[in-house]
Every structure is written in C-alpha cells, then in structure tokens.
Amino acid sequence: MTDAPSDGPATDREPLVAPATKSSLLWGLVGGLSFLVLAQGYELLGDLGVGFAPKLGVAAVVAVGAATATHLTRDRLPTENESP
C-alpha cells in the first residue's frame, strides 16, 4: 500500500531563482525576442541585408540591457497594485 505524499519538506523549499531576478530575466528575454521580431519585419518590408549572427548578437545585447535595466529600476517604478 502506498501512502500519499506529505506536504512537509516539499513545500518548504526556497525557489532556485529569486522572483525579482526571474522577472528581470524574463523581461530581458522579451526585449531580445522583440528586437528579432522587429528586425524580421524590417527585413520583410525592406532590404536589411544583415546576416543571422549579427542579428543574434544585437538581440543578446538588447536582452542583457533590458534585463539589467529592469533589475536596476524595479524599486523605482510603481506597480499597478501599489497605491500612491
């Protein structure tokens, strides 16, 4: 007979990444992917003529910049849940 798992030790674990860090990394990912979408749209409408590697490099720089900016300014900007 098997017992149901207990709620003890499994729920007491700390998250692997802090929520603020996770949020910053996800915003960085959004920034990098947004750049790639805009570059693809520009390439479809015009003649960009830039290879895949430079676009990927710039997207990585944008992702790091967006993640860093988000992490540094997260305490300075109000959220919609906070009242003034």
Protein backbone atom coordinates (compact mmCIF):
# COMPACT_ATOMS: atom_id res chain seq x y z
CA MET A 1 0.00 0.00 0.00
CA THR A 2 1.39 3.41 -0.92
CA ASP A 3 0.86 6.50 1.16
CA ALA A 4 0.01 9.87 -0.32
CA PRO A 5 2.96 12.28 -0.41
CA SER A 6 3.10 14.60 2.56
CA ASP A 7 3.09 18.37 2.25
CA GLY A 8 6.02 18.80 4.66
CA PRO A 9 9.52 19.13 3.18
CA ALA A 10 8.45 19.65 -0.45
CA THR A 11 6.65 22.92 0.28
CA ASP A 12 9.44 24.37 2.46
CA ARG A 13 11.97 24.63 -0.37
CA GLU A 14 13.25 28.02 -1.45
CA PRO A 15 12.93 28.92 -5.14
CA LEU A 16 16.03 28.34 -7.24
CA VAL A 17 15.94 31.91 -8.56
CA ALA A 18 14.62 34.92 -6.63
CA PRO A 19 11.33 36.24 -8.06
CA ALA A 20 12.85 39.67 -8.82
CA THR A 21 15.73 38.07 -10.71
CA LYS A 22 13.38 35.77 -12.59
CA SER A 23 11.22 38.74 -13.60
CA SER A 24 14.27 40.67 -14.82
CA LEU A 25 15.50 37.71 -16.87
CA LEU A 26 12.08 37.23 -18.43
CA TRP A 27 11.89 40.93 -19.38
CA GLY A 28 15.33 40.57 -20.94
CA LEU A 29 14.06 37.63 -22.97
CA VAL A 30 11.06 39.70 -24.08
CA GLY A 31 13.38 42.52 -25.14
CA GLY A 32 15.67 40.26 -27.15
CA LEU A 33 12.83 38.48 -28.89
CA SER A 34 11.11 41.80 -29.62
CA PHE A 35 14.25 43.02 -31.36
CA LEU A 36 14.33 39.86 -33.50
CA VAL A 37 10.68 40.32 -34.45
CA LEU A 38 11.28 43.95 -35.42
CA ALA A 39 14.39 43.02 -37.43
CA GLN A 40 12.44 40.30 -39.24
CA GLY A 41 9.62 42.72 -40.04
CA TYR A 42 12.07 45.29 -41.36
CA GLU A 43 13.72 42.63 -43.48
CA LEU A 44 10.35 41.64 -44.94
CA LEU A 45 9.43 45.24 -45.79
CA GLY A 46 12.83 46.49 -46.87
CA ASP A 47 16.24 45.19 -47.75
CA LEU A 48 18.15 44.83 -44.49
CA GLY A 49 20.87 42.56 -45.82
CA VAL A 50 22.30 41.62 -42.40
CA GLY A 51 23.17 38.03 -41.57
CA PHE A 52 21.76 35.90 -38.80
CA ALA A 53 24.80 36.07 -36.49
CA PRO A 54 24.88 39.89 -36.20
CA LYS A 55 21.13 39.97 -35.52
CA LEU A 56 21.55 37.33 -32.83
CA GLY A 57 24.44 39.29 -31.31
CA VAL A 58 22.46 42.51 -31.17
CA ALA A 59 19.47 40.63 -29.73
CA ALA A 60 21.72 39.28 -26.97
CA VAL A 61 22.97 42.78 -26.18
CA VAL A 62 19.38 44.07 -26.11
CA ALA A 63 18.35 41.18 -23.82
CA VAL A 64 21.18 41.87 -21.38
CA GLY A 65 20.44 45.59 -21.45
CA ALA A 66 16.72 45.07 -20.86
CA ALA A 67 17.33 42.61 -18.02
CA THR A 68 19.85 44.95 -16.38
CA ALA A 69 17.60 47.99 -16.74
CA THR A 70 14.66 46.08 -15.31
CA HIS A 71 16.68 44.82 -12.36
CA LEU A 72 18.11 48.25 -11.55
CA THR A 73 14.82 50.17 -11.83
CA ARG A 74 12.37 47.68 -10.33
CA ASP A 75 12.21 49.51 -6.97
CA ARG A 76 11.91 52.96 -8.53
CA LEU A 77 8.86 52.35 -10.71
CA PRO A 78 5.42 51.87 -9.13
CA THR A 79 3.41 48.79 -9.94
CA GLU A 80 -0.30 48.89 -10.67
CA ASN A 81 -1.05 47.11 -7.40
CA GLU A 82 0.53 49.84 -5.28
CA SER A 83 -1.48 52.85 -4.26
CA PRO A 84 0.26 56.25 -4.41
